[in-house]
Amino acid sequence: MLLSNLQSVEANLTSPDIRSRNTLLALVLGEEAEAHNGKTVEIRAQELVGDTVVPYLATSVTLQRGFGGFFDPL
């Protein structure tokens, strides 16, 4: 089950400067994420090899959602 949007990135940059090869991604949590607040979730990176999606890297984090946005009325 996805708790955020799915991001696709082409990781084929070849610049000799490692800083220019960085890519910033924003994962926006959906409503389903609320049920997992305070729980350990997994962030996964997958690789497309031909027509097959292959696991590449994963890490576990604790999901901690805030109480509201900066501009939300009190």
PDB file of N, CA and C in Angstrom:
ATOM      1  N   MET A   1       0.843  -1.174   0.000  1.00  0.00           N
ATOM      2  CA  MET A   1       0.000   0.000   0.000  1.00  0.00           C
ATOM      3  C   MET A   1       0.891   1.241   0.000  1.00  0.00           C
ATOM      4  N   LEU A   2       0.613   2.143  -0.920  1.00  0.00           N
ATOM      5  CA  LEU A   2       1.355   3.398  -0.987  1.00  0.00           C
ATOM      6  C   LEU A   2       0.761   4.405  -0.010  1.00  0.00           C
ATOM      7  N   LEU A   3       1.628   5.051   0.770  1.00  0.00           N
ATOM      8  CA  LEU A   3       1.201   6.094   1.697  1.00  0.00           C
ATOM      9  C   LEU A   3       1.490   7.484   1.144  1.00  0.00           C
ATOM     10  N   SER A   4       2.215   7.545   0.035  1.00  0.00           N
ATOM     11  CA  SER A   4       2.556   8.835  -0.573  1.00  0.00           C
ATOM     12  C   SER A   4       2.442   8.705  -2.081  1.00  0.00           C
ATOM     13  N   ASN A   5       2.729   9.812  -2.750  1.00  0.00           N
ATOM     14  CA  ASN A   5       2.794   9.768  -4.204  1.00  0.00           C
ATOM     15  C   ASN A   5       3.987   8.917  -4.637  1.00  0.00           C
ATOM     16  N   LEU A   6       3.963   8.462  -5.857  1.00  0.00           N
ATOM     17  CA  LEU A   6       5.050   7.665  -6.425  1.00  0.00           C
ATOM     18  C   LEU A   6       5.872   8.572  -7.321  1.00  0.00           C
ATOM     19  N   GLN A   7       7.179   8.589  -7.131  1.00  0.00           N
ATOM     20  CA  GLN A   7       8.069   9.440  -7.915  1.00  0.00           C
ATOM     21  C   GLN A   7       8.923   8.583  -8.842  1.00  0.00           C
ATOM     22  N   SER A   8       9.064   9.006 -10.085  1.00  0.00           N
ATOM     23  CA  SER A   8       9.950   8.344 -11.047  1.00  0.00           C
ATOM     24  C   SER A   8      11.095   9.284 -11.379  1.00  0.00           C
ATOM     25  N   VAL A   9      12.308   8.739 -11.407  1.00  0.00           N
ATOM     26  CA  VAL A   9      13.497   9.533 -11.683  1.00  0.00           C
ATOM     27  C   VAL A   9      14.399   8.747 -12.623  1.00  0.00           C
ATOM     28  N   GLU A  10      14.921   9.418 -13.632  1.00  0.00           N
ATOM     29  CA  GLU A  10      15.951   8.803 -14.462  1.00  0.00           C
ATOM     30  C   GLU A  10      17.288   9.117 -13.815  1.00  0.00           C
ATOM     31  N   ALA A  11      17.987   8.071 -13.395  1.00  0.00           N
ATOM     32  CA  ALA A  11      19.256   8.245 -12.684  1.00  0.00           C
ATOM     33  C   ALA A  11      20.431   7.936 -13.610  1.00  0.00           C
ATOM     34  N   ASN A  12      20.486   8.655 -14.723  1.00  0.00           N
ATOM     35  CA  ASN A  12      21.555   8.406 -15.683  1.00  0.00           C
ATOM     36  C   ASN A  12      22.434   9.637 -15.909  1.00  0.00           C
ATOM     37  N   LEU A  13      22.467  10.539 -14.938  1.00  0.00           N
ATOM     38  CA  LEU A  13      23.292  11.740 -15.054  1.00  0.00           C
ATOM     39  C   LEU A  13      24.767  11.355 -14.958  1.00  0.00           C
ATOM     40  N   THR A  14      25.601  11.966 -15.760  1.00  0.00           N
ATOM     41  CA  THR A  14      27.012  11.562 -15.830  1.00  0.00           C
ATOM     42  C   THR A  14      27.990  12.681 -15.512  1.00  0.00           C
ATOM     43  N   SER A  15      27.528  13.780 -14.950  1.00  0.00           N
ATOM     44  CA  SER A  15      28.414  14.898 -14.638  1.00  0.00           C
ATOM     45  C   SER A  15      29.508  14.457 -13.659  1.00  0.00           C
ATOM     46  N   PRO A  16      30.736  14.923 -13.848  1.00  0.00           N
ATOM     47  CA  PRO A  16      31.802  14.578 -12.904  1.00  0.00           C
ATOM     48  C   PRO A  16      31.599  15.231 -11.527  1.00  0.00           C
ATOM     49  N   ASP A  17      30.804  16.300 -11.474  1.00  0.00           N
ATOM     50  CA  ASP A  17      30.514  16.972 -10.197  1.00  0.00           C
ATOM     51  C   ASP A  17      29.325  16.282  -9.534  1.00  0.00           C
ATOM     52  N   ILE A  18      29.573  15.612  -8.415  1.00  0.00           N
ATOM     53  CA  ILE A  18      28.535  14.821  -7.750  1.00  0.00           C
ATOM     54  C   ILE A  18      27.348  15.682  -7.325  1.00  0.00           C
ATOM     55  N   ARG A  19      27.582  16.952  -6.988  1.00  0.00           N
ATOM     56  CA  ARG A  19      26.487  17.831  -6.559  1.00  0.00           C
ATOM     57  C   ARG A  19      25.478  18.078  -7.679  1.00  0.00           C
ATOM     58  N   SER A  20      25.918  18.096  -8.901  1.00  0.00           N
ATOM     59  CA  SER A  20      24.998  18.333 -10.017  1.00  0.00           C
ATOM     60  C   SER A  20      24.203  17.071 -10.373  1.00  0.00           C
ATOM     61  N   ARG A  21      24.558  15.941  -9.775  1.00  0.00           N
ATOM     62  CA  ARG A  21      23.818  14.698 -10.009  1.00  0.00           C
ATOM     63  C   ARG A  21      22.771  14.433  -8.941  1.00  0.00           C
ATOM     64  N   ASN A  22      22.684  15.308  -7.928  1.00  0.00           N
ATOM     65  CA  ASN A  22      21.666  15.141  -6.881  1.00  0.00           C
ATOM     66  C   ASN A  22      20.289  15.456  -7.435  1.00  0.00           C
ATOM     67  N   THR A  23      19.284  14.732  -6.944  1.00  0.00           N
ATOM     68  CA  THR A  23      17.899  14.964  -7.333  1.00  0.00           C
ATOM     69  C   THR A  23      17.067  15.061  -6.072  1.00  0.00           C
ATOM     70  N   LEU A  24      16.293  16.113  -5.952  1.00  0.00           N
ATOM     71  CA  LEU A  24      15.430  16.320  -4.798  1.00  0.00           C
ATOM     72  C   LEU A  24      14.034  15.801  -5.124  1.00  0.00           C
ATOM     73  N   LEU A  25      13.490  14.972  -4.240  1.00  0.00           N
ATOM     74  CA  LEU A  25      12.145  14.431  -4.409  1.00  0.00           C
ATOM     75  C   LEU A  25      11.280  14.852  -3.239  1.00  0.00           C
ATOM     76  N   ALA A  26      10.027  15.135  -3.504  1.00  0.00           N
ATOM     77  CA  ALA A  26       9.073  15.442  -2.440  1.00  0.00           C
ATOM     78  C   ALA A  26       8.021  14.346  -2.421  1.00  0.00           C
ATOM     79  N   LEU A  27       7.950  13.630  -1.321  1.00  0.00           N
ATOM     80  CA  LEU A  27       6.931  12.604  -1.149  1.00  0.00           C
ATOM     81  C   LEU A  27       5.783  13.220  -0.358  1.00  0.00           C
ATOM     82  N   VAL A  28       4.621  13.303  -0.970  1.00  0.00           N
ATOM     83  CA  VAL A  28       3.449  13.917  -0.354  1.00  0.00           C
ATOM     84  C   VAL A  28       2.580  12.804   0.218  1.00  0.00           C
ATOM     85  N   LEU A  29       2.385  12.846   1.537  1.00  0.00           N
ATOM     86  CA  LEU A  29       1.595  11.804   2.194  1.00  0.00           C
ATOM     87  C   LEU A  29       0.119  11.938   1.859  1.00  0.00           C
ATOM     88  N   GLY A  30      -0.518  10.797   1.618  1.00  0.00           N
ATOM     89  CA  GLY A  30      -1.950  10.764   1.367  1.00  0.00           C
ATOM     90  C   GLY A  30      -2.723  10.531   2.653  1.00  0.00           C
ATOM     91  N   GLU A  31      -4.042  10.500   2.568  1.00  0.00           N
ATOM     92  CA  GLU A  31      -4.895  10.293   3.745  1.00  0.00           C
ATOM     93  C   GLU A  31      -4.635   8.943   4.408  1.00  0.00           C
ATOM     94  N   GLU A  32      -4.229   7.943   3.618  1.00  0.00           N
ATOM     95  CA  GLU A  32      -3.963   6.609   4.167  1.00  0.00           C
ATOM     96  C   GLU A  32      -2.830   6.621   5.191  1.00  0.00           C
ATOM     97  N   ALA A  33      -1.947   7.612   5.103  1.00  0.00           N
ATOM     98  CA  ALA A  33      -0.798   7.692   5.999  1.00  0.00           C
ATOM     99  C   ALA A  33      -1.219   7.957   7.438  1.00  0.00           C
ATOM    100  N   GLU A  34      -2.376   8.580   7.650  1.00  0.00           N
ATOM    101  CA  GLU A  34      -2.833   8.908   9.004  1.00  0.00           C
ATOM    102  C   GLU A  34      -2.950   7.662   9.879  1.00  0.00           C
ATOM    103  N   ALA A  35      -3.362   6.551   9.309  1.00  0.00           N
ATOM    104  CA  ALA A  35      -3.512   5.304  10.062  1.00  0.00           C
ATOM    105  C   ALA A  35      -2.162   4.728  10.482  1.00  0.00           C
ATOM    106  N   HIS A  36      -1.066   5.233   9.922  1.00  0.00           N
ATOM    107  CA  HIS A  36       0.269   4.727  10.227  1.00  0.00           C
ATOM    108  C   HIS A  36       1.100   5.716  11.037  1.00  0.00           C
ATOM    109  N   ASN A  37       0.475   6.787  11.523  1.00  0.00           N
ATOM    110  CA  ASN A  37       1.188   7.795  12.296  1.00  0.00           C
ATOM    111  C   ASN A  37       1.816   7.154  13.538  1.00  0.00           C
ATOM    112  N   GLY A  38       3.092   7.403  13.757  1.00  0.00           N
ATOM    113  CA  GLY A  38       3.813   6.850  14.905  1.00  0.00           C
ATOM    114  C   GLY A  38       4.337   5.444  14.670  1.00  0.00           C
ATOM    115  N   LYS A  39       4.086   4.872  13.514  1.00  0.00           N
ATOM    116  CA  LYS A  39       4.529   3.508  13.205  1.00  0.00           C
ATOM    117  C   LYS A  39       5.732   3.539  12.273  1.00  0.00           C
ATOM    118  N   THR A  40       6.447   2.432  12.242  1.00  0.00           N
ATOM    119  CA  THR A  40       7.575   2.294  11.338  1.00  0.00           C
ATOM    120  C   THR A  40       7.067   1.955   9.944  1.00  0.00           C
ATOM    121  N   VAL A  41       7.521   2.711   8.960  1.00  0.00           N
ATOM    122  CA  VAL A  41       7.169   2.467   7.568  1.00  0.00           C
ATOM    123  C   VAL A  41       8.451   2.330   6.757  1.00  0.00           C
ATOM    124  N   GLU A  42       8.332   1.847   5.542  1.00  0.00           N
ATOM    125  CA  GLU A  42       9.502   1.622   4.698  1.00  0.00           C
ATOM    126  C   GLU A  42       9.457   2.532   3.478  1.00  0.00           C
ATOM    127  N   ILE A  43      10.584   3.163   3.185  1.00  0.00           N
ATOM    128  CA  ILE A  43      10.744   3.944   1.964  1.00  0.00           C
ATOM    129  C   ILE A  43      11.568   3.086   1.015  1.00  0.00           C
ATOM    130  N   ARG A  44      11.049   2.872  -0.182  1.00  0.00           N
ATOM    131  CA  ARG A  44      11.692   1.955  -1.125  1.00  0.00           C
ATOM    132  C   ARG A  44      12.099   2.664  -2.411  1.00  0.00           C
ATOM    133  N   ALA A  45      13.237   2.233  -2.931  1.00  0.00           N
ATOM    134  CA  ALA A  45      13.673   2.629  -4.267  1.00  0.00           C
ATOM    135  C   ALA A  45      13.686   1.356  -5.109  1.00  0.00           C
ATOM    136  N   GLN A  46      13.126   1.469  -6.289  1.00  0.00           N
ATOM    137  CA  GLN A  46      13.079   0.321  -7.186  1.00  0.00           C
ATOM    138  C   GLN A  46      13.689   0.707  -8.516  1.00  0.00           C
ATOM    139  N   GLU A  47      14.165  -0.300  -9.229  1.00  0.00           N
ATOM    140  CA  GLU A  47      14.813  -0.082 -10.518  1.00  0.00           C
ATOM    141  C   GLU A  47      14.018  -0.805 -11.603  1.00  0.00           C
ATOM    142  N   LEU A  48      13.867  -0.158 -12.740  1.00  0.00           N
ATOM    143  CA  LEU A  48      13.192  -0.784 -13.865  1.00  0.00           C
ATOM    144  C   LEU A  48      14.253  -1.436 -14.744  1.00  0.00           C
ATOM    145  N   VAL A  49      14.214  -2.753 -14.833  1.00  0.00           N
ATOM    146  CA  VAL A  49      15.155  -3.518 -15.655  1.00  0.00           C
ATOM    147  C   VAL A  49      14.340  -4.180 -16.763  1.00  0.00           C
ATOM    148  N   GLY A  50      14.446  -3.643 -17.959  1.00  0.00           N
ATOM    149  CA  GLY A  50      13.588  -4.112 -19.048  1.00  0.00           C
ATOM    150  C   GLY A  50      12.157  -3.749 -18.722  1.00  0.00           C
ATOM    151  N   ASP A  51      11.295  -4.753 -18.586  1.00  0.00           N
ATOM    152  CA  ASP A  51       9.896  -4.528 -18.215  1.00  0.00           C
ATOM    153  C   ASP A  51       9.623  -4.954 -16.778  1.00  0.00           C
ATOM    154  N   THR A  52      10.676  -5.231 -16.004  1.00  0.00           N
ATOM    155  CA  THR A  52      10.525  -5.757 -14.648  1.00  0.00           C
ATOM    156  C   THR A  52      10.981  -4.738 -13.612  1.00  0.00           C
ATOM    157  N   VAL A  53      10.168  -4.543 -12.565  1.00  0.00           N
ATOM    158  CA  VAL A  53      10.537  -3.667 -11.451  1.00  0.00           C
ATOM    159  C   VAL A  53      11.290  -4.517 -10.423  1.00  0.00           C
ATOM    160  N   VAL A  54      12.514  -4.088 -10.101  1.00  0.00           N
ATOM    161  CA  VAL A  54      13.403  -4.843  -9.213  1.00  0.00           C
ATOM    162  C   VAL A  54      13.710  -3.985  -7.979  1.00  0.00           C
ATOM    163  N   PRO A  55      13.620  -4.562  -6.760  1.00  0.00           N
ATOM    164  CA  PRO A  55      13.999  -3.795  -5.565  1.00  0.00           C
ATOM    165  C   PRO A  55      15.454  -3.325  -5.671  1.00  0.00           C
ATOM    166  N   TYR A  56      15.703  -2.069  -5.269  1.00  0.00           N
ATOM    167  CA  TYR A  56      17.045  -1.493  -5.341  1.00  0.00           C
ATOM    168  C   TYR A  56      17.577  -1.177  -3.946  1.00  0.00           C
ATOM    169  N   LEU A  57      16.804  -0.449  -3.145  1.00  0.00           N
ATOM    170  CA  LEU A  57      17.237  -0.032  -1.818  1.00  0.00           C
ATOM    171  C   LEU A  57      15.998   0.277  -0.988  1.00  0.00           C
ATOM    172  N   ALA A  58      16.068   0.027   0.318  1.00  0.00           N
ATOM    173  CA  ALA A  58      14.951   0.340   1.218  1.00  0.00           C
ATOM    174  C   ALA A  58      15.505   0.797   2.561  1.00  0.00           C
ATOM    175  N   THR A  59      14.744   1.652   3.230  1.00  0.00           N
ATOM    176  CA  THR A  59      15.102   2.093   4.576  1.00  0.00           C
ATOM    177  C   THR A  59      13.822   2.244   5.390  1.00  0.00           C
ATOM    178  N   SER A  60      13.912   2.008   6.689  1.00  0.00           N
ATOM    179  CA  SER A  60      12.761   2.136   7.577  1.00  0.00           C
ATOM    180  C   SER A  60      12.843   3.447   8.344  1.00  0.00           C
ATOM    181  N   VAL A  61      11.696   4.099   8.495  1.00  0.00           N
ATOM    182  CA  VAL A  61      11.598   5.350   9.231  1.00  0.00           C
ATOM    183  C   VAL A  61      10.321   5.327  10.060  1.00  0.00           C
ATOM    184  N   THR A  62      10.262   6.162  11.100  1.00  0.00           N
ATOM    185  CA  THR A  62       9.042   6.312  11.875  1.00  0.00           C
ATOM    186  C   THR A  62       8.260   7.483  11.309  1.00  0.00           C
ATOM    187  N   LEU A  63       7.018   7.226  10.938  1.00  0.00           N
ATOM    188  CA  LEU A  63       6.169   8.259  10.360  1.00  0.00           C
ATOM    189  C   LEU A  63       5.615   9.134  11.479  1.00  0.00           C
ATOM    190  N   GLN A  64       5.882  10.439  11.412  1.00  0.00           N
ATOM    191  CA  GLN A  64       5.393  11.377  12.416  1.00  0.00           C
ATOM    192  C   GLN A  64       4.741  12.549  11.713  1.00  0.00           C
ATOM    193  N   ARG A  65       3.429  12.519  11.669  1.00  0.00           N
ATOM    194  CA  ARG A  65       2.671  13.589  11.020  1.00  0.00           C
ATOM    195  C   ARG A  65       2.399  14.703  12.009  1.00  0.00           C
ATOM    196  N   GLY A  66       2.395  15.935  11.506  1.00  0.00           N
ATOM    197  CA  GLY A  66       2.120  17.098  12.344  1.00  0.00           C
ATOM    198  C   GLY A  66       0.635  17.289  12.563  1.00  0.00           C
ATOM    199  N   PHE A  67       0.300  18.335  13.292  1.00  0.00           N
ATOM    200  CA  PHE A  67      -1.093  18.632  13.621  1.00  0.00           C
ATOM    201  C   PHE A  67      -1.765  19.515  12.585  1.00  0.00           C
ATOM    202  N   GLY A  68      -1.030  20.098  11.670  1.00  0.00           N
ATOM    203  CA  GLY A  68      -1.624  20.976  10.668  1.00  0.00           C
ATOM    204  C   GLY A  68      -0.557  21.786   9.986  1.00  0.00           C
ATOM    205  N   GLY A  69      -0.974  22.523   8.999  1.00  0.00           N
ATOM    206  CA  GLY A  69      -0.045  23.345   8.257  1.00  0.00           C
ATOM    207  C   GLY A  69       0.181  24.692   8.923  1.00  0.00           C
ATOM    208  N   PHE A  70       1.163  25.407   8.472  1.00  0.00           N
ATOM    209  CA  PHE A  70       1.542  26.695   9.034  1.00  0.00           C
ATOM    210  C   PHE A  70       0.415  27.718   8.901  1.00  0.00           C
ATOM    211  N   PHE A  71      -0.336  27.649   7.815  1.00  0.00           N
ATOM    212  CA  PHE A  71      -1.365  28.636   7.558  1.00  0.00           C
ATOM    213  C   PHE A  71      -2.761  28.155   7.967  1.00  0.00           C
ATOM    214  N   ASP A  72      -2.866  26.983   8.595  1.00  0.00           N
ATOM    215  CA  ASP A  72      -4.177  26.481   9.038  1.00  0.00           C
ATOM    216  C   ASP A  72      -4.711  27.375  10.162  1.00  0.00           C
ATOM    217  N   PRO A  73      -6.034  27.672  10.182  1.00  0.00           N
ATOM    218  CA  PRO A  73      -6.587  28.488  11.267  1.00  0.00           C
ATOM    219  C   PRO A  73      -6.515  27.731  12.591  1.00  0.00           C
ATOM    220  N   LEU A  74      -6.358  28.466  13.677  1.00  0.00           N
ATOM    221  CA  LEU A  74      -6.292  27.840  15.008  1.00  0.00           C
ATOM    222  C   LEU A  74      -7.650  27.532  15.546  1.00  0.00           C
TER     223      LEU A  74
END
